[in-house]
Amino acid sequence: MTSNQKYYVNKSDTITVRCLACNKSRSFSVAGLKGKSRNLKVQCPCTNTFAIDIEFRRSYRKDVHIAGGYRKRDEVEDVERSCVVRNISVGGLGIKIEHDTTIQVDDELIVTFKLDDRHQRRIDTAVKVRHVDPEKRFGGEFVDPDDPSRDEVLTFYL
């Protein structure tokens, strides 16, 4: 069984799909699909039909499992609690917390961890919580979207 092709939506809400059978590409708008199913079946003019997954994220997100720590932005550094960084992109990250917490959407956190590459660079960054699920998984967007030192490290890491 083959996996679906994955396409990231560009700034103009379009994707360019390539047929693996004939290698022809075509672009089309997916603006009307925001908030709806992100799995589609596409039929190429060559009659090949295939499934695609559409990702509305602005950037690639890498799945990871990295031990780290976090604290609310207004707390002192010595109250850092443990977490696991589950995924990371140039725009934000996802963490999992094992203990009870009062974190809510719009809270700002300071998250620290070392990347799991050969350089093991430390990331110490502010994140604004954008979503929370019942299993204590939190998704956050970097508060300072233009941190050159973090962006350079993450660009090479991702």
C-alpha atoms as a PDB file:
ATOM      1  CA  MET A   1       0.000   0.000   0.000  1.00  0.00           C
ATOM      2  CA  THR A   2       1.375   3.408  -0.932  1.00  0.00           C
ATOM      3  CA  SER A   3       0.999   6.477   1.236  1.00  0.00           C
ATOM      4  CA  ASN A   4      -0.728   9.604   0.041  1.00  0.00           C
ATOM      5  CA  GLN A   5       1.303  12.412  -1.473  1.00  0.00           C
ATOM      6  CA  LYS A   6       1.435  15.408   0.877  1.00  0.00           C
ATOM      7  CA  TYR A   7       1.123  18.978  -0.394  1.00  0.00           C
ATOM      8  CA  TYR A   8       1.637  22.192   1.549  1.00  0.00           C
ATOM      9  CA  VAL A   9      -0.661  25.085   0.665  1.00  0.00           C
ATOM     10  CA  ASN A  10       1.169  28.228  -0.447  1.00  0.00           C
ATOM     11  CA  LYS A  11       0.348  31.827   0.516  1.00  0.00           C
ATOM     12  CA  SER A  12      -2.189  32.156  -2.295  1.00  0.00           C
ATOM     13  CA  ASP A  13      -4.080  29.043  -1.065  1.00  0.00           C
ATOM     14  CA  THR A  14      -3.069  26.901  -4.025  1.00  0.00           C
ATOM     15  CA  ILE A  15      -1.208  23.636  -4.445  1.00  0.00           C
ATOM     16  CA  THR A  16       0.588  22.155  -7.425  1.00  0.00           C
ATOM     17  CA  VAL A  17      -0.103  18.430  -7.736  1.00  0.00           C
ATOM     18  CA  ARG A  18       2.119  16.077  -9.731  1.00  0.00           C
ATOM     19  CA  CYS A  19       0.869  12.803 -11.143  1.00  0.00           C
ATOM     20  CA  LEU A  20       3.380  10.051 -10.438  1.00  0.00           C
ATOM     21  CA  ALA A  21       2.166   8.051 -13.450  1.00  0.00           C
ATOM     22  CA  CYS A  22       2.772  10.670 -16.166  1.00  0.00           C
ATOM     23  CA  ASN A  23       4.766  13.340 -14.232  1.00  0.00           C
ATOM     24  CA  LYS A  24       2.437  16.145 -15.338  1.00  0.00           C
ATOM     25  CA  SER A  25       1.627  18.873 -12.820  1.00  0.00           C
ATOM     26  CA  ARG A  26      -1.349  21.144 -12.371  1.00  0.00           C
ATOM     27  CA  SER A  27      -2.167  23.870  -9.861  1.00  0.00           C
ATOM     28  CA  PHE A  28      -5.498  24.593  -8.281  1.00  0.00           C
ATOM     29  CA  SER A  29      -7.000  26.577  -5.433  1.00  0.00           C
ATOM     30  CA  VAL A  30      -7.821  24.843  -2.155  1.00  0.00           C
ATOM     31  CA  ALA A  31      -9.080  27.951  -0.354  1.00  0.00           C
ATOM     32  CA  GLY A  32     -12.554  26.433  -0.032  1.00  0.00           C
ATOM     33  CA  LEU A  33     -11.174  23.420   1.819  1.00  0.00           C
ATOM     34  CA  LYS A  34      -9.952  25.215   4.949  1.00  0.00           C
ATOM     35  CA  GLY A  35     -11.546  23.567   7.951  1.00  0.00           C
ATOM     36  CA  LYS A  36     -12.790  20.623   5.859  1.00  0.00           C
ATOM     37  CA  SER A  37     -11.349  17.279   4.836  1.00  0.00           C
ATOM     38  CA  ARG A  38      -7.708  17.470   3.906  1.00  0.00           C
ATOM     39  CA  ASN A  39      -7.629  14.135   2.103  1.00  0.00           C
ATOM     40  CA  LEU A  40      -8.644  14.206  -1.553  1.00  0.00           C
ATOM     41  CA  LYS A  41      -8.750  11.911  -4.532  1.00  0.00           C
ATOM     42  CA  VAL A  42      -7.359  13.499  -7.682  1.00  0.00           C
ATOM     43  CA  GLN A  43      -7.851  12.293 -11.246  1.00  0.00           C
ATOM     44  CA  CYS A  44      -5.192  13.231 -13.753  1.00  0.00           C
ATOM     45  CA  PRO A  45      -6.047  13.749 -17.456  1.00  0.00           C
ATOM     46  CA  CYS A  46      -3.980  10.575 -18.059  1.00  0.00           C
ATOM     47  CA  THR A  47      -6.778   8.740 -16.115  1.00  0.00           C
ATOM     48  CA  ASN A  48      -4.557   7.912 -13.116  1.00  0.00           C
ATOM     49  CA  THR A  49      -6.417   8.445  -9.827  1.00  0.00           C
ATOM     50  CA  PHE A  50      -4.485   8.976  -6.596  1.00  0.00           C
ATOM     51  CA  ALA A  51      -4.966  10.267  -3.071  1.00  0.00           C
ATOM     52  CA  ILE A  52      -3.350  13.402  -1.668  1.00  0.00           C
ATOM     53  CA  ASP A  53      -3.171  14.997   1.763  1.00  0.00           C
ATOM     54  CA  ILE A  54      -3.350  18.783   2.004  1.00  0.00           C
ATOM     55  CA  GLU A  55      -1.489  20.560   4.788  1.00  0.00           C
ATOM     56  CA  PHE A  56      -2.519  24.152   5.505  1.00  0.00           C
ATOM     57  CA  ARG A  57       0.424  24.751   7.836  1.00  0.00           C
ATOM     58  CA  ARG A  58       2.736  27.503   6.709  1.00  0.00           C
ATOM     59  CA  SER A  59       5.810  25.359   7.160  1.00  0.00           C
ATOM     60  CA  TYR A  60       6.982  21.784   7.456  1.00  0.00           C
ATOM     61  CA  ARG A  61       6.557  20.248  10.907  1.00  0.00           C
ATOM     62  CA  LYS A  62       9.024  17.554  11.995  1.00  0.00           C
ATOM     63  CA  ASP A  63       7.922  14.874  14.465  1.00  0.00           C
ATOM     64  CA  VAL A  64      10.430  14.507  17.305  1.00  0.00           C
ATOM     65  CA  HIS A  65      10.626  13.143  20.848  1.00  0.00           C
ATOM     66  CA  ILE A  66      12.898  15.468  22.822  1.00  0.00           C
ATOM     67  CA  ALA A  67      12.902  15.915  26.604  1.00  0.00           C
ATOM     68  CA  GLY A  68      12.595  19.539  27.624  1.00  0.00           C
ATOM     69  CA  GLY A  69      11.248  21.933  30.170  1.00  0.00           C
ATOM     70  CA  TYR A  70       8.706  24.715  30.291  1.00  0.00           C
ATOM     71  CA  ARG A  71       7.381  27.421  32.547  1.00  0.00           C
ATOM     72  CA  LYS A  72       4.805  30.140  32.183  1.00  0.00           C
ATOM     73  CA  ARG A  73       6.458  33.304  30.928  1.00  0.00           C
ATOM     74  CA  ASP A  74       5.689  35.236  34.113  1.00  0.00           C
ATOM     75  CA  GLU A  75       7.173  32.548  36.419  1.00  0.00           C
ATOM     76  CA  VAL A  76      10.752  32.508  37.678  1.00  0.00           C
ATOM     77  CA  GLU A  77      13.212  30.120  36.012  1.00  0.00           C
ATOM     78  CA  ASP A  78      13.491  27.693  38.921  1.00  0.00           C
ATOM     79  CA  VAL A  79       9.862  26.530  38.516  1.00  0.00           C
ATOM     80  CA  GLU A  80      10.553  24.824  35.191  1.00  0.00           C
ATOM     81  CA  ARG A  81       8.551  21.619  34.713  1.00  0.00           C
ATOM     82  CA  SER A  82       9.285  18.699  32.392  1.00  0.00           C
ATOM     83  CA  CYS A  83       7.714  18.196  28.984  1.00  0.00           C
ATOM     84  CA  VAL A  84       8.386  16.361  25.752  1.00  0.00           C
ATOM     85  CA  VAL A  85       8.702  18.305  22.518  1.00  0.00           C
ATOM     86  CA  ARG A  86       6.643  16.237  20.064  1.00  0.00           C
ATOM     87  CA  ASN A  87       7.026  18.279  16.884  1.00  0.00           C
ATOM     88  CA  ILE A  88       8.748  21.419  15.706  1.00  0.00           C
ATOM     89  CA  SER A  89       8.679  23.805  12.761  1.00  0.00           C
ATOM     90  CA  VAL A  90      10.125  27.226  12.021  1.00  0.00           C
ATOM     91  CA  GLY A  91       6.833  28.725  13.251  1.00  0.00           C
ATOM     92  CA  GLY A  92       6.186  26.826  16.464  1.00  0.00           C
ATOM     93  CA  LEU A  93       6.185  23.539  18.308  1.00  0.00           C
ATOM     94  CA  GLY A  94       4.042  20.951  20.023  1.00  0.00           C
ATOM     95  CA  ILE A  95       4.673  19.643  23.528  1.00  0.00           C
ATOM     96  CA  LYS A  96       3.223  16.923  25.739  1.00  0.00           C
ATOM     97  CA  ILE A  97       2.973  17.308  29.506  1.00  0.00           C
ATOM     98  CA  GLU A  98       2.531  14.298  31.790  1.00  0.00           C
ATOM     99  CA  HIS A  99       1.390  16.103  34.942  1.00  0.00           C
ATOM    100  CA  ASP A 100      -1.645  18.244  35.732  1.00  0.00           C
ATOM    101  CA  THR A 101      -1.422  21.808  34.539  1.00  0.00           C
ATOM    102  CA  THR A 102      -3.482  24.976  34.261  1.00  0.00           C
ATOM    103  CA  ILE A 103      -2.128  25.976  30.841  1.00  0.00           C
ATOM    104  CA  GLN A 104      -4.757  27.466  28.538  1.00  0.00           C
ATOM    105  CA  VAL A 105      -4.963  28.877  25.027  1.00  0.00           C
ATOM    106  CA  ASP A 106      -3.177  32.271  24.790  1.00  0.00           C
ATOM    107  CA  ASP A 107      -0.836  31.534  27.736  1.00  0.00           C
ATOM    108  CA  GLU A 108       2.790  32.290  26.976  1.00  0.00           C
ATOM    109  CA  LEU A 109       5.401  29.690  27.877  1.00  0.00           C
ATOM    110  CA  ILE A 110       9.164  29.579  27.888  1.00  0.00           C
ATOM    111  CA  VAL A 111      10.180  26.198  26.451  1.00  0.00           C
ATOM    112  CA  THR A 112      13.764  24.915  26.626  1.00  0.00           C
ATOM    113  CA  PHE A 113      15.291  21.803  25.075  1.00  0.00           C
ATOM    114  CA  LYS A 114      18.361  20.555  23.229  1.00  0.00           C
ATOM    115  CA  LEU A 115      17.969  19.446  19.649  1.00  0.00           C
ATOM    116  CA  ASP A 116      18.645  15.771  19.035  1.00  0.00           C
ATOM    117  CA  ASP A 117      21.213  16.318  16.287  1.00  0.00           C
ATOM    118  CA  ARG A 118      24.999  16.069  16.541  1.00  0.00           C
ATOM    119  CA  HIS A 119      25.359  19.720  17.642  1.00  0.00           C
ATOM    120  CA  GLN A 120      22.729  19.416  20.413  1.00  0.00           C
ATOM    121  CA  ARG A 121      22.051  23.143  20.325  1.00  0.00           C
ATOM    122  CA  ARG A 122      19.900  24.519  23.102  1.00  0.00           C
ATOM    123  CA  ILE A 123      16.639  26.224  22.177  1.00  0.00           C
ATOM    124  CA  ASP A 124      15.197  28.612  24.747  1.00  0.00           C
ATOM    125  CA  THR A 125      12.142  30.296  23.269  1.00  0.00           C
ATOM    126  CA  ALA A 126       8.802  31.903  24.083  1.00  0.00           C
ATOM    127  CA  VAL A 127       5.703  30.174  22.732  1.00  0.00           C
ATOM    128  CA  LYS A 128       2.072  31.323  22.725  1.00  0.00           C
ATOM    129  CA  VAL A 129      -0.323  28.396  23.250  1.00  0.00           C
ATOM    130  CA  ARG A 130      -2.673  28.062  20.262  1.00  0.00           C
ATOM    131  CA  HIS A 131      -4.416  24.786  21.076  1.00  0.00           C
ATOM    132  CA  VAL A 132      -4.784  22.309  23.917  1.00  0.00           C
ATOM    133  CA  ASP A 133      -6.206  18.811  23.737  1.00  0.00           C
ATOM    134  CA  PRO A 134      -7.554  16.564  26.524  1.00  0.00           C
ATOM    135  CA  GLU A 135      -4.377  14.464  26.498  1.00  0.00           C
ATOM    136  CA  LYS A 136      -2.276  17.430  27.636  1.00  0.00           C
ATOM    137  CA  ARG A 137      -0.773  18.058  24.215  1.00  0.00           C
ATOM    138  CA  PHE A 138      -0.189  21.716  23.503  1.00  0.00           C
ATOM    139  CA  GLY A 139       0.535  23.437  20.224  1.00  0.00           C
ATOM    140  CA  GLY A 140       2.209  26.796  20.245  1.00  0.00           C
ATOM    141  CA  GLU A 141       3.421  29.524  17.943  1.00  0.00           C
ATOM    142  CA  PHE A 142       6.741  31.264  18.553  1.00  0.00           C
ATOM    143  CA  VAL A 143       6.104  34.661  20.164  1.00  0.00           C
ATOM    144  CA  ASP A 144       9.027  36.283  18.368  1.00  0.00           C
ATOM    145  CA  PRO A 145       8.579  35.060  14.798  1.00  0.00           C
ATOM    146  CA  ASP A 146      11.835  36.665  13.658  1.00  0.00           C
ATOM    147  CA  ASP A 147      14.477  35.371  16.079  1.00  0.00           C
ATOM    148  CA  PRO A 148      17.485  35.035  13.739  1.00  0.00           C
ATOM    149  CA  SER A 149      19.498  32.733  15.999  1.00  0.00           C
ATOM    150  CA  ARG A 150      16.602  30.295  16.567  1.00  0.00           C
ATOM    151  CA  ASP A 151      15.487  30.448  12.932  1.00  0.00           C
ATOM    152  CA  GLU A 152      18.964  29.659  11.613  1.00  0.00           C
ATOM    153  CA  VAL A 153      19.353  26.670  13.951  1.00  0.00           C
ATOM    154  CA  LEU A 154      15.879  25.321  13.144  1.00  0.00           C
ATOM    155  CA  THR A 155      16.235  25.819   9.392  1.00  0.00           C
ATOM    156  CA  PHE A 156      19.295  23.564   9.357  1.00  0.00           C
ATOM    157  CA  TYR A 157      17.710  21.103  11.795  1.00  0.00           C
ATOM    158  CA  LEU A 158      14.489  20.707   9.833  1.00  0.00           C
END
